[in-house]
Amino acid sequence: VQLQASGGGLVQAGGSLRLSCAASGIIFSIYSMGWYRQAPGKPRELVAAIIRGDTTNYADSVKGRFTISRDNPKNTVYLKMNSLEPEDTAVYYCNAHNNWSGIDIWGQGTLVTVSS
């Protein structure tokens, strides 16, 4: 069972990045998928989530700027981040949650740095 996140990097404020998270070893389509982030000295927070039926929810701070999507045949979830701000700088983690069993699976994190 593995979640492999990628796509992080250094970008200027106002720029864009797309994060990807490829899952293996799970029945991807039955999991709710989410992106969390953790900035230095701050707790991990939910950024965006997408459940099995493509219903999405977002943190207020990213609404209108970030878009989460999933490709079930590719076992991959994406986070498109536009209009990035220095406050978006954090390690971004991919999460898979099984609503029936309560199992949570975490990826290794990918660093996003937004310069002002």
Protein backbone atom coordinates (compact mmCIF):
# COMPACT_ATOMS: atom_id res chain seq x y z
CA VAL A 1 0.00 0.00 0.00
CA GLN A 2 1.58 3.26 -1.07
CA LEU A 3 0.73 6.86 -1.89
CA GLN A 4 3.38 8.61 -3.95
CA ALA A 5 3.07 12.38 -4.06
CA SER A 6 4.88 14.56 -6.55
CA GLY A 7 4.79 17.98 -8.19
CA GLY A 8 6.00 20.23 -5.42
CA GLY A 9 8.63 22.87 -5.97
CA LEU A 10 9.55 26.53 -5.79
CA VAL A 11 7.23 29.04 -7.44
CA GLN A 12 6.74 32.78 -7.31
CA ALA A 13 3.65 34.30 -5.77
CA GLY A 14 0.82 34.28 -8.28
CA GLY A 15 2.14 31.16 -9.97
CA SER A 16 0.68 27.70 -10.30
CA LEU A 17 1.60 24.12 -9.50
CA ARG A 18 -0.12 20.79 -9.89
CA LEU A 19 0.42 18.08 -7.32
CA SER A 20 -0.19 14.44 -8.12
CA CYS A 21 -0.63 11.47 -5.84
CA ALA A 22 -0.52 7.98 -7.27
CA ALA A 23 -1.95 5.17 -5.18
CA SER A 24 -1.02 1.51 -5.30
CA GLY A 25 -2.18 -1.49 -3.35
CA ILE A 26 -5.67 -0.19 -2.61
CA ILE A 27 -9.05 -0.20 -4.34
CA PHE A 28 -8.65 3.47 -5.14
CA SER A 29 -12.23 4.15 -6.17
CA ILE A 30 -13.69 3.37 -2.74
CA TYR A 31 -11.44 5.79 -0.87
CA SER A 32 -12.02 9.43 -0.17
CA MET A 33 -8.87 11.31 -1.13
CA GLY A 34 -7.52 14.45 0.42
CA TRP A 35 -4.64 16.86 0.42
CA TYR A 36 -3.35 18.21 3.70
CA ARG A 37 -0.52 20.60 4.38
CA GLN A 38 1.74 21.44 7.26
CA ALA A 39 3.69 24.65 7.50
CA PRO A 40 6.63 25.01 9.91
CA GLY A 41 5.40 25.36 13.46
CA LYS A 42 1.79 24.79 12.52
CA PRO A 43 -0.50 21.77 12.76
CA ARG A 44 -1.42 19.75 9.72
CA GLU A 45 -4.58 21.07 8.08
CA LEU A 46 -6.99 19.83 5.45
CA VAL A 47 -6.64 21.68 2.16
CA ALA A 48 -9.08 19.81 -0.07
CA ALA A 49 -10.90 16.50 -0.23
CA ILE A 50 -12.80 14.54 -2.82
CA ILE A 51 -15.06 11.65 -1.93
CA ARG A 52 -16.02 8.70 -4.07
CA GLY A 53 -18.77 10.53 -5.91
CA ASP A 54 -16.58 13.51 -6.85
CA THR A 55 -18.07 15.70 -4.13
CA THR A 56 -15.38 18.13 -3.04
CA ASN A 57 -14.69 20.40 -0.13
CA TYR A 58 -12.00 22.99 0.43
CA ALA A 59 -10.43 25.00 3.20
CA ASP A 60 -11.70 28.57 3.10
CA SER A 61 -8.19 29.83 2.48
CA VAL A 62 -7.90 28.02 -0.85
CA LYS A 63 -11.44 28.22 -2.22
CA GLY A 64 -11.44 29.61 -5.73
CA ARG A 65 -7.70 29.03 -6.14
CA PHE A 66 -7.21 25.27 -5.71
CA THR A 67 -9.00 22.42 -7.46
CA ILE A 68 -8.91 18.79 -6.40
CA SER A 69 -9.73 16.06 -8.90
CA ARG A 70 -9.31 12.33 -9.25
CA ASP A 71 -8.74 9.87 -12.07
CA ASN A 72 -9.92 6.50 -10.82
CA PRO A 73 -8.58 4.42 -13.74
CA LYS A 74 -5.14 5.93 -13.07
CA ASN A 75 -5.45 5.61 -9.27
CA THR A 76 -4.38 9.23 -9.02
CA VAL A 77 -5.60 12.35 -7.27
CA TYR A 78 -4.51 15.84 -8.27
CA LEU A 79 -4.39 19.25 -6.67
CA LYS A 80 -4.19 22.17 -9.08
CA MET A 81 -3.03 25.25 -7.26
CA ASN A 82 -3.40 28.67 -8.86
CA SER A 83 -2.68 32.17 -7.59
CA LEU A 84 -0.26 30.78 -5.05
CA GLU A 85 0.60 32.91 -2.05
CA PRO A 86 3.57 32.78 0.31
CA GLU A 87 1.13 31.56 2.96
CA ASP A 88 0.63 28.40 0.90
CA THR A 89 4.21 27.36 1.62
CA ALA A 90 4.10 23.97 3.34
CA VAL A 91 4.69 20.28 2.97
CA TYR A 92 1.66 18.85 1.20
CA TYR A 93 0.52 15.35 2.07
CA CYS A 94 -1.80 13.06 0.21
CA ASN A 95 -4.33 11.06 2.25
CA ALA A 96 -6.59 8.15 1.43
CA HIS A 97 -9.49 7.54 3.81
CA ASN A 98 -11.77 4.52 3.85
CA ASN A 99 -15.09 5.78 5.21
CA TRP A 100 -16.28 2.25 6.02
CA SER A 101 -13.25 0.90 7.91
CA GLY A 102 -11.82 4.21 9.09
CA ILE A 103 -8.40 3.36 7.70
CA ASP A 104 -6.18 6.32 6.81
CA ILE A 105 -3.16 6.06 4.51
CA TRP A 106 -0.62 8.86 4.13
CA GLY A 107 1.86 9.72 1.43
CA GLN A 108 5.36 10.97 2.09
CA GLY A 109 4.72 14.67 1.44
CA THR A 110 5.93 17.08 -1.19
CA LEU A 111 7.29 20.53 -0.43
CA VAL A 112 5.70 23.61 -1.95
CA THR A 113 7.56 26.89 -1.50
CA VAL A 114 6.03 30.14 -2.68
CA SER A 115 8.34 33.13 -2.83
CA SER A 116 7.10 36.69 -2.54
